[in-house]
Amino acid sequence: MQIQLLHHVALPVTDLDRSVGFYRDILGLEQIARPAFPFPGAWFRLLGAQELHLIVHTNPTYRVGKTVDDRDIHFAARVGSYREVLDFLRAKGYREDSSDDLMKIRLNPHSITGYPQLYIMDPDRHMIEINAARLD
């Protein structure tokens, strides 16, 4: 087997409208057409042929009661400017010291990986890493 690319990531969600708003308005993803499955959901274009699929599920697995944790299950998105994303998220209310876990941001600008990282959660507590090629 030779995998050509990671085609999509599928995430269970509890409130489709809330999640669509997060992925559209916070992460800036483009919503795309979705087949007429017999259950609610939404699809987004990530890059080229890569997609994010949101699925409303009646018995999903969630990170209930957990806060931002960079070692937990997550997916990562690469951005052009770490500083611009950090400024944008702060303007939207994200803070390192937020008492609201869903608005908490964890910064790792000098990661051992060699690229700056930050971590946030979506409305269902899915972990998202955002990183850049370099610290600007």
Protein backbone atom coordinates (compact mmCIF):
# COMPACT_ATOMS: atom_id res chain seq x y z
CA MET A 1 0.00 0.00 0.00
CA GLN A 2 1.20 3.50 -0.83
CA ILE A 3 -0.86 6.27 0.76
CA GLN A 4 -1.03 9.31 -1.50
CA LEU A 5 -2.41 11.85 1.00
CA LEU A 6 -4.53 12.23 4.08
CA HIS A 7 -7.94 12.72 2.47
CA HIS A 8 -10.09 13.81 5.40
CA VAL A 9 -10.51 14.00 9.14
CA ALA A 10 -13.97 13.24 10.53
CA LEU A 11 -15.09 14.68 13.86
CA PRO A 12 -18.29 14.02 15.79
CA VAL A 13 -20.17 17.14 16.88
CA THR A 14 -23.13 17.78 19.15
CA ASP A 15 -24.37 21.08 17.73
CA LEU A 16 -23.85 21.31 13.97
CA ASP A 17 -24.58 25.04 13.65
CA ARG A 18 -22.18 25.93 16.47
CA SER A 19 -19.44 23.75 14.99
CA VAL A 20 -19.97 25.06 11.45
CA GLY A 21 -19.61 28.59 12.84
CA PHE A 22 -16.35 27.69 14.60
CA TYR A 23 -14.73 26.03 11.59
CA ARG A 24 -15.94 28.76 9.21
CA ASP A 25 -15.43 31.87 11.37
CA ILE A 26 -12.48 30.91 13.58
CA LEU A 27 -10.48 28.53 11.38
CA GLY A 28 -11.61 30.18 8.14
CA LEU A 29 -12.46 26.95 6.32
CA GLU A 30 -14.60 26.89 3.19
CA GLN A 31 -17.76 24.80 3.51
CA ILE A 32 -18.28 22.47 0.54
CA ALA A 33 -21.10 20.31 -0.78
CA ARG A 34 -21.84 17.11 1.13
CA PRO A 35 -23.71 14.03 -0.10
CA ALA A 36 -27.24 13.51 1.22
CA PHE A 37 -26.33 11.14 4.04
CA PRO A 38 -29.19 10.04 6.33
CA PHE A 39 -27.61 11.96 9.24
CA PRO A 40 -26.66 15.62 9.71
CA GLY A 41 -23.18 16.90 9.04
CA ALA A 42 -21.05 19.38 7.13
CA TRP A 43 -17.90 19.19 5.01
CA PHE A 44 -15.09 21.72 4.67
CA ARG A 45 -12.18 22.04 2.27
CA LEU A 46 -8.82 22.09 4.01
CA LEU A 47 -6.37 22.24 1.12
CA GLY A 48 -6.58 20.73 -2.35
CA ALA A 49 -8.26 17.35 -1.92
CA GLN A 50 -8.08 17.38 1.88
CA GLU A 51 -11.31 17.79 3.81
CA LEU A 52 -12.78 18.03 7.29
CA HIS A 53 -16.05 16.19 7.87
CA LEU A 54 -18.31 17.09 10.79
CA ILE A 55 -20.79 14.39 11.75
CA VAL A 56 -23.67 14.66 14.20
CA HIS A 57 -23.55 11.36 16.06
CA THR A 58 -25.82 9.97 18.78
CA ASN A 59 -23.12 7.99 20.63
CA PRO A 60 -19.79 9.71 19.93
CA THR A 61 -16.47 9.76 21.73
CA TYR A 62 -15.59 13.15 23.19
CA ARG A 63 -12.89 14.60 25.45
CA VAL A 64 -15.51 15.38 28.11
CA GLY A 65 -14.21 17.48 30.99
CA LYS A 66 -10.75 17.88 29.48
CA THR A 67 -8.97 21.15 28.86
CA VAL A 68 -6.33 22.12 26.31
CA ASP A 69 -3.76 19.29 26.22
CA ASP A 70 -1.17 19.21 23.43
CA ARG A 71 -0.44 15.52 24.00
CA ASP A 72 -4.04 14.39 23.53
CA ILE A 73 -5.57 13.39 20.19
CA HIS A 74 -5.43 16.37 17.82
CA PHE A 75 -4.97 17.45 14.25
CA ALA A 76 -2.60 20.19 13.13
CA ALA A 77 -3.01 23.00 10.62
CA ARG A 78 -0.07 24.94 9.17
CA VAL A 79 -0.44 28.71 8.77
CA GLY A 80 1.69 31.38 7.16
CA SER A 81 2.02 33.64 10.21
CA TYR A 82 2.00 32.48 13.82
CA ARG A 83 1.73 36.08 15.05
CA GLU A 84 -1.25 36.92 12.83
CA VAL A 85 -3.15 33.86 14.02
CA LEU A 86 -2.34 34.61 17.65
CA ASP A 87 -3.51 38.22 17.25
CA PHE A 88 -6.69 37.04 15.49
CA LEU A 89 -7.51 34.50 18.19
CA ARG A 90 -6.88 37.02 20.95
CA ALA A 91 -9.23 39.46 19.18
CA LYS A 92 -11.87 36.69 19.24
CA GLY A 93 -11.44 36.31 23.01
CA TYR A 94 -8.93 33.46 23.29
CA ARG A 95 -6.56 33.84 26.25
CA GLU A 96 -3.83 31.80 27.91
CA ASP A 97 -5.40 32.42 31.32
CA SER A 98 -9.06 32.05 30.30
CA SER A 99 -11.34 30.50 32.90
CA ASP A 100 -13.52 29.28 30.00
CA ASP A 101 -11.79 26.14 28.71
CA LEU A 102 -13.25 26.64 25.23
CA MET A 103 -11.53 30.04 24.99
CA LYS A 104 -8.22 28.85 26.42
CA ILE A 105 -5.16 28.92 24.19
CA ARG A 106 -1.90 27.11 24.90
CA LEU A 107 1.18 28.70 23.36
CA ASN A 108 4.41 26.92 22.49
CA PRO A 109 6.33 29.46 20.38
CA HIS A 110 9.70 27.77 20.92
CA SER A 111 8.69 24.14 20.43
CA ILE A 112 11.32 21.41 20.33
CA THR A 113 9.89 20.61 16.88
CA GLY A 114 11.51 23.77 15.53
CA TYR A 115 8.24 25.43 14.58
CA PRO A 116 5.94 27.54 16.79
CA GLN A 117 2.70 25.95 17.90
CA LEU A 118 -0.51 26.95 19.63
CA TYR A 119 -3.43 24.82 20.71
CA ILE A 120 -7.15 25.50 21.00
CA MET A 121 -10.30 23.39 21.24
CA ASP A 122 -13.40 23.39 19.08
CA PRO A 123 -16.87 23.56 20.69
CA ASP A 124 -16.83 19.78 21.30
CA ARG A 125 -13.34 19.87 22.87
CA HIS A 126 -11.50 18.43 19.87
CA MET A 127 -7.86 19.56 20.09
CA ILE A 128 -6.46 21.64 17.24
CA GLU A 129 -2.80 22.52 16.82
CA ILE A 130 -1.96 25.53 14.70
CA ASN A 131 1.67 25.88 13.68
CA ALA A 132 3.86 27.91 11.35
CA ALA A 133 7.15 27.19 9.62
CA ARG A 134 8.88 29.84 11.75
CA LEU A 135 8.23 32.30 14.54
CA ASP A 136 7.49 35.76 13.20
